[in-house]
Amino acid sequence: MEQESFYVVWNQRGGNPIKRHNTCEEARQEARRLSQENPCIEFFVLRAVEGITYREDPWRIRSFCKK
């Protein structure tokens, strides 16, 4: 079942992304804000393409890409 994708902002030096952004532009704005607060650190806007959860059946896979 396809769902709406979401975006996160990530950098190599930091921890895991903690906020989902509904649009690429929202994530871009957040990346700009973070880069201003952290000069010389590169931030990446990433788009979710799939979510996988291990369960007893054993996998739940959610696709965020149109096939």
PDB file of N, CA and C in Angstrom:
ATOM      1  N   MET A   1       0.839  -1.173   0.000  1.00  0.00           N
ATOM      2  CA  MET A   1       0.000   0.000   0.000  1.00  0.00           C
ATOM      3  C   MET A   1       0.889   1.243   0.000  1.00  0.00           C
ATOM      4  N   GLU A   2       0.733   2.078  -1.005  1.00  0.00           N
ATOM      5  CA  GLU A   2       1.555   3.285  -1.111  1.00  0.00           C
ATOM      6  C   GLU A   2       1.027   4.381  -0.208  1.00  0.00           C
ATOM      7  N   GLN A   3       1.957   5.083   0.437  1.00  0.00           N
ATOM      8  CA  GLN A   3       1.615   6.201   1.301  1.00  0.00           C
ATOM      9  C   GLN A   3       2.386   7.420   0.853  1.00  0.00           C
ATOM     10  N   GLU A   4       2.009   8.574   1.378  1.00  0.00           N
ATOM     11  CA  GLU A   4       2.730   9.793   1.075  1.00  0.00           C
ATOM     12  C   GLU A   4       4.131   9.719   1.680  1.00  0.00           C
ATOM     13  N   SER A   5       5.116  10.095   0.901  1.00  0.00           N
ATOM     14  CA  SER A   5       6.479  10.123   1.380  1.00  0.00           C
ATOM     15  C   SER A   5       6.672  11.312   2.321  1.00  0.00           C
ATOM     16  N   PHE A   6       7.785  11.327   2.995  1.00  0.00           N
ATOM     17  CA  PHE A   6       8.142  12.448   3.853  1.00  0.00           C
ATOM     18  C   PHE A   6       9.637  12.687   3.726  1.00  0.00           C
ATOM     19  N   TYR A   7      10.115  13.774   4.308  1.00  0.00           N
ATOM     20  CA  TYR A   7      11.505  14.187   4.177  1.00  0.00           C
ATOM     21  C   TYR A   7      12.110  14.391   5.560  1.00  0.00           C
ATOM     22  N   VAL A   8      13.420  14.190   5.659  1.00  0.00           N
ATOM     23  CA  VAL A   8      14.157  14.459   6.887  1.00  0.00           C
ATOM     24  C   VAL A   8      15.447  15.191   6.516  1.00  0.00           C
ATOM     25  N   VAL A   9      16.037  15.847   7.515  1.00  0.00           N
ATOM     26  CA  VAL A   9      17.317  16.529   7.336  1.00  0.00           C
ATOM     27  C   VAL A   9      18.353  15.780   8.161  1.00  0.00           C
ATOM     28  N   TRP A  10      19.496  15.528   7.555  1.00  0.00           N
ATOM     29  CA  TRP A  10      20.535  14.702   8.182  1.00  0.00           C
ATOM     30  C   TRP A  10      21.915  15.283   7.898  1.00  0.00           C
ATOM     31  N   ASN A  11      22.849  15.063   8.826  1.00  0.00           N
ATOM     32  CA  ASN A  11      24.245  15.370   8.566  1.00  0.00           C
ATOM     33  C   ASN A  11      25.111  14.280   9.167  1.00  0.00           C
ATOM     34  N   GLN A  12      26.297  14.108   8.636  1.00  0.00           N
ATOM     35  CA  GLN A  12      27.166  13.002   9.046  1.00  0.00           C
ATOM     36  C   GLN A  12      27.635  13.112  10.487  1.00  0.00           C
ATOM     37  N   ARG A  13      27.728  14.298  11.021  1.00  0.00           N
ATOM     38  CA  ARG A  13      28.272  14.501  12.364  1.00  0.00           C
ATOM     39  C   ARG A  13      27.229  14.368  13.462  1.00  0.00           C
ATOM     40  N   GLY A  14      25.955  14.473  13.096  1.00  0.00           N
ATOM     41  CA  GLY A  14      24.903  14.510  14.110  1.00  0.00           C
ATOM     42  C   GLY A  14      24.252  13.166  14.357  1.00  0.00           C
ATOM     43  N   GLY A  15      23.210  13.203  15.152  1.00  0.00           N
ATOM     44  CA  GLY A  15      22.451  12.000  15.451  1.00  0.00           C
ATOM     45  C   GLY A  15      21.418  11.719  14.382  1.00  0.00           C
ATOM     46  N   ASN A  16      20.498  10.864  14.699  1.00  0.00           N
ATOM     47  CA  ASN A  16      19.437  10.509  13.758  1.00  0.00           C
ATOM     48  C   ASN A  16      18.462  11.672  13.582  1.00  0.00           C
ATOM     49  N   PRO A  17      17.856  11.798  12.406  1.00  0.00           N
ATOM     50  CA  PRO A  17      16.820  12.822  12.231  1.00  0.00           C
ATOM     51  C   PRO A  17      15.663  12.567  13.185  1.00  0.00           C
ATOM     52  N   ILE A  18      15.070  13.629  13.702  1.00  0.00           N
ATOM     53  CA  ILE A  18      13.976  13.456  14.667  1.00  0.00           C
ATOM     54  C   ILE A  18      12.668  14.077  14.194  1.00  0.00           C
ATOM     55  N   LYS A  19      12.697  14.851  13.125  1.00  0.00           N
ATOM     56  CA  LYS A  19      11.477  15.505  12.647  1.00  0.00           C
ATOM     57  C   LYS A  19      11.183  15.107  11.205  1.00  0.00           C
ATOM     58  N   ARG A  20       9.930  14.777  10.951  1.00  0.00           N
ATOM     59  CA  ARG A  20       9.456  14.519   9.596  1.00  0.00           C
ATOM     60  C   ARG A  20       8.954  15.821   9.006  1.00  0.00           C
ATOM     61  N   HIS A  21       9.257  16.033   7.736  1.00  0.00           N
ATOM     62  CA  HIS A  21       8.752  17.203   7.016  1.00  0.00           C
ATOM     63  C   HIS A  21       7.844  16.693   5.907  1.00  0.00           C
ATOM     64  N   ASN A  22       6.686  17.306   5.763  1.00  0.00           N
ATOM     65  CA  ASN A  22       5.715  16.852   4.772  1.00  0.00           C
ATOM     66  C   ASN A  22       6.103  17.202   3.349  1.00  0.00           C
ATOM     67  N   THR A  23       6.891  18.260   3.183  1.00  0.00           N
ATOM     68  CA  THR A  23       7.293  18.664   1.837  1.00  0.00           C
ATOM     69  C   THR A  23       8.806  18.826   1.773  1.00  0.00           C
ATOM     70  N   CYS A  24       9.310  18.740   0.562  1.00  0.00           N
ATOM     71  CA  CYS A  24      10.736  18.946   0.347  1.00  0.00           C
ATOM     72  C   CYS A  24      11.124  20.372   0.727  1.00  0.00           C
ATOM     73  N   GLU A  25      10.277  21.328   0.426  1.00  0.00           N
ATOM     74  CA  GLU A  25      10.584  22.731   0.742  1.00  0.00           C
ATOM     75  C   GLU A  25      10.693  22.960   2.248  1.00  0.00           C
ATOM     76  N   GLU A  26       9.820  22.324   3.034  1.00  0.00           N
ATOM     77  CA  GLU A  26       9.924  22.434   4.498  1.00  0.00           C
ATOM     78  C   GLU A  26      11.274  21.907   4.970  1.00  0.00           C
ATOM     79  N   ALA A  27      11.690  20.782   4.429  1.00  0.00           N
ATOM     80  CA  ALA A  27      12.975  20.193   4.808  1.00  0.00           C
ATOM     81  C   ALA A  27      14.132  21.083   4.355  1.00  0.00           C
ATOM     82  N   ARG A  28      14.027  21.675   3.183  1.00  0.00           N
ATOM     83  CA  ARG A  28      15.069  22.607   2.706  1.00  0.00           C
ATOM     84  C   ARG A  28      15.211  23.799   3.648  1.00  0.00           C
ATOM     85  N   GLN A  29      14.088  24.335   4.070  1.00  0.00           N
ATOM     86  CA  GLN A  29      14.136  25.469   4.998  1.00  0.00           C
ATOM     87  C   GLN A  29      14.811  25.076   6.306  1.00  0.00           C
ATOM     88  N   GLU A  30      14.507  23.891   6.794  1.00  0.00           N
ATOM     89  CA  GLU A  30      15.138  23.407   8.023  1.00  0.00           C
ATOM     90  C   GLU A  30      16.636  23.189   7.818  1.00  0.00           C
ATOM     91  N   ALA A  31      17.022  22.641   6.664  1.00  0.00           N
ATOM     92  CA  ALA A  31      18.449  22.445   6.368  1.00  0.00           C
ATOM     93  C   ALA A  31      19.170  23.791   6.312  1.00  0.00           C
ATOM     94  N   ARG A  32      18.544  24.785   5.726  1.00  0.00           N
ATOM     95  CA  ARG A  32      19.144  26.129   5.685  1.00  0.00           C
ATOM     96  C   ARG A  32      19.317  26.695   7.085  1.00  0.00           C
ATOM     97  N   ARG A  33      18.281  26.549   7.909  1.00  0.00           N
ATOM     98  CA  ARG A  33      18.341  27.053   9.281  1.00  0.00           C
ATOM     99  C   ARG A  33      19.473  26.382  10.058  1.00  0.00           C
ATOM    100  N   LEU A  34      19.541  25.062   9.946  1.00  0.00           N
ATOM    101  CA  LEU A  34      20.588  24.319  10.653  1.00  0.00           C
ATOM    102  C   LEU A  34      21.981  24.683  10.152  1.00  0.00           C
ATOM    103  N   SER A  35      22.106  24.871   8.845  1.00  0.00           N
ATOM    104  CA  SER A  35      23.429  25.203   8.309  1.00  0.00           C
ATOM    105  C   SER A  35      23.870  26.598   8.740  1.00  0.00           C
ATOM    106  N   GLN A  36      22.942  27.517   8.921  1.00  0.00           N
ATOM    107  CA  GLN A  36      23.299  28.840   9.431  1.00  0.00           C
ATOM    108  C   GLN A  36      23.766  28.762  10.875  1.00  0.00           C
ATOM    109  N   GLU A  37      23.158  27.891  11.650  1.00  0.00           N
ATOM    110  CA  GLU A  37      23.549  27.726  13.054  1.00  0.00           C
ATOM    111  C   GLU A  37      24.830  26.906  13.201  1.00  0.00           C
ATOM    112  N   ASN A  38      25.195  26.162  12.167  1.00  0.00           N
ATOM    113  CA  ASN A  38      26.360  25.271  12.204  1.00  0.00           C
ATOM    114  C   ASN A  38      27.202  25.469  10.947  1.00  0.00           C
ATOM    115  N   PRO A  39      27.940  26.588  10.869  1.00  0.00           N
ATOM    116  CA  PRO A  39      28.722  26.856   9.659  1.00  0.00           C
ATOM    117  C   PRO A  39      29.696  25.720   9.338  1.00  0.00           C
ATOM    118  N   CYS A  40      29.912  25.490   8.067  1.00  0.00           N
ATOM    119  CA  CYS A  40      30.849  24.496   7.536  1.00  0.00           C
ATOM    120  C   CYS A  40      30.390  23.052   7.709  1.00  0.00           C
ATOM    121  N   ILE A  41      29.173  22.845   8.184  1.00  0.00           N
ATOM    122  CA  ILE A  41      28.628  21.485   8.282  1.00  0.00           C
ATOM    123  C   ILE A  41      27.566  21.350   7.196  1.00  0.00           C
ATOM    124  N   GLU A  42      27.664  20.290   6.405  1.00  0.00           N
ATOM    125  CA  GLU A  42      26.730  20.063   5.312  1.00  0.00           C
ATOM    126  C   GLU A  42      25.521  19.275   5.795  1.00  0.00           C
ATOM    127  N   PHE A  43      24.342  19.749   5.441  1.00  0.00           N
ATOM    128  CA  PHE A  43      23.092  19.080   5.778  1.00  0.00           C
ATOM    129  C   PHE A  43      22.439  18.567   4.502  1.00  0.00           C
ATOM    130  N   PHE A  44      21.826  17.399   4.586  1.00  0.00           N
ATOM    131  CA  PHE A  44      21.216  16.745   3.434  1.00  0.00           C
ATOM    132  C   PHE A  44      19.712  16.622   3.649  1.00  0.00           C
ATOM    133  N   VAL A  45      18.950  16.861   2.591  1.00  0.00           N
ATOM    134  CA  VAL A  45      17.508  16.627   2.604  1.00  0.00           C
ATOM    135  C   VAL A  45      17.294  15.237   2.001  1.00  0.00           C
ATOM    136  N   LEU A  46      16.707  14.352   2.782  1.00  0.00           N
ATOM    137  CA  LEU A  46      16.488  12.969   2.360  1.00  0.00           C
ATOM    138  C   LEU A  46      14.994  12.684   2.269  1.00  0.00           C
ATOM    139  N   ARG A  47      14.620  11.891   1.277  1.00  0.00           N
ATOM    140  CA  ARG A  47      13.223  11.496   1.078  1.00  0.00           C
ATOM    141  C   ARG A  47      13.071  10.020   1.421  1.00  0.00           C
ATOM    142  N   ALA A  48      12.062   9.708   2.214  1.00  0.00           N
ATOM    143  CA  ALA A  48      11.779   8.313   2.561  1.00  0.00           C
ATOM    144  C   ALA A  48      11.236   7.591   1.337  1.00  0.00           C
ATOM    145  N   VAL A  49      11.772   6.410   1.065  1.00  0.00           N
ATOM    146  CA  VAL A  49      11.267   5.611  -0.047  1.00  0.00           C
ATOM    147  C   VAL A  49      10.601   4.324   0.444  1.00  0.00           C
ATOM    148  N   GLU A  50      10.936   3.903   1.646  1.00  0.00           N
ATOM    149  CA  GLU A  50      10.343   2.680   2.162  1.00  0.00           C
ATOM    150  C   GLU A  50      10.513   2.625   3.672  1.00  0.00           C
ATOM    151  N   GLY A  51       9.542   2.060   4.361  1.00  0.00           N
ATOM    152  CA  GLY A  51       9.621   1.820   5.800  1.00  0.00           C
ATOM    153  C   GLY A  51       9.464   0.334   6.062  1.00  0.00           C
ATOM    154  N   ILE A  52      10.345  -0.223   6.881  1.00  0.00           N
ATOM    155  CA  ILE A  52      10.315  -1.665   7.162  1.00  0.00           C
ATOM    156  C   ILE A  52      10.289  -1.866   8.669  1.00  0.00           C
ATOM    157  N   THR A  53       9.383  -2.715   9.121  1.00  0.00           N
ATOM    158  CA  THR A  53       9.262  -3.039  10.536  1.00  0.00           C
ATOM    159  C   THR A  53       9.329  -4.546  10.696  1.00  0.00           C
ATOM    160  N   TYR A  54      10.162  -5.034  11.603  1.00  0.00           N
ATOM    161  CA  TYR A  54      10.209  -6.467  11.873  1.00  0.00           C
ATOM    162  C   TYR A  54       9.125  -6.794  12.889  1.00  0.00           C
ATOM    163  N   ARG A  55       8.298  -7.781  12.534  1.00  0.00           N
ATOM    164  CA  ARG A  55       7.234  -8.246  13.411  1.00  0.00           C
ATOM    165  C   ARG A  55       7.232  -9.765  13.369  1.00  0.00           C
ATOM    166  N   GLU A  56       6.242 -10.373  13.976  1.00  0.00           N
ATOM    167  CA  GLU A  56       6.173 -11.827  14.018  1.00  0.00           C
ATOM    168  C   GLU A  56       5.854 -12.453  12.677  1.00  0.00           C
ATOM    169  N   ASP A  57       5.332 -11.698  11.719  1.00  0.00           N
ATOM    170  CA  ASP A  57       4.850 -12.323  10.484  1.00  0.00           C
ATOM    171  C   ASP A  57       5.797 -12.345   9.284  1.00  0.00           C
ATOM    172  N   PRO A  58       7.004 -12.111   9.174  1.00  0.00           N
ATOM    173  CA  PRO A  58       7.964 -11.375   9.984  1.00  0.00           C
ATOM    174  C   PRO A  58       8.170  -9.927   9.561  1.00  0.00           C
ATOM    175  N   TRP A  59       7.714  -9.479   8.398  1.00  0.00           N
ATOM    176  CA  TRP A  59       8.037  -8.122   7.960  1.00  0.00           C
ATOM    177  C   TRP A  59       6.791  -7.332   7.610  1.00  0.00           C
ATOM    178  N   ARG A  60       6.838  -6.057   7.888  1.00  0.00           N
ATOM    179  CA  ARG A  60       5.831  -5.104   7.415  1.00  0.00           C
ATOM    180  C   ARG A  60       6.590  -4.096   6.566  1.00  0.00           C
ATOM    181  N   ILE A  61       6.219  -3.962   5.306  1.00  0.00           N
ATOM    182  CA  ILE A  61       6.914  -3.052   4.392  1.00  0.00           C
ATOM    183  C   ILE A  61       5.921  -2.039   3.867  1.00  0.00           C
ATOM    184  N   ARG A  62       6.263  -0.765   3.994  1.00  0.00           N
ATOM    185  CA  ARG A  62       5.434   0.321   3.480  1.00  0.00           C
ATOM    186  C   ARG A  62       6.221   1.002   2.369  1.00  0.00           C
ATOM    187  N   SER A  63       5.648   1.079   1.200  1.00  0.00           N
ATOM    188  CA  SER A  63       6.308   1.717   0.068  1.00  0.00           C
ATOM    189  C   SER A  63       5.886   3.176  -0.028  1.00  0.00           C
ATOM    190  N   PHE A  64       6.877   4.053  -0.247  1.00  0.00           N
ATOM    191  CA  PHE A  64       6.614   5.465  -0.449  1.00  0.00           C
ATOM    192  C   PHE A  64       6.894   5.864  -1.902  1.00  0.00           C
ATOM    193  N   CYS A  65       7.190   4.900  -2.758  1.00  0.00           N
ATOM    194  CA  CYS A  65       7.515   5.170  -4.166  1.00  0.00           C
ATOM    195  C   CYS A  65       6.435   4.618  -5.071  1.00  0.00           C
ATOM    196  N   LYS A  66       6.160   5.331  -6.125  1.00  0.00           N
ATOM    197  CA  LYS A  66       5.246   4.806  -7.131  1.00  0.00           C
ATOM    198  C   LYS A  66       6.001   3.817  -7.980  1.00  0.00           C
ATOM    199  N   LYS A  67       5.379   2.693  -8.271  1.00  0.00           N
ATOM    200  CA  LYS A  67       6.052   1.653  -9.046  1.00  0.00           C
ATOM    201  C   LYS A  67       5.589   1.670 -10.472  1.00  0.00           C
TER     202      LYS A  67
END
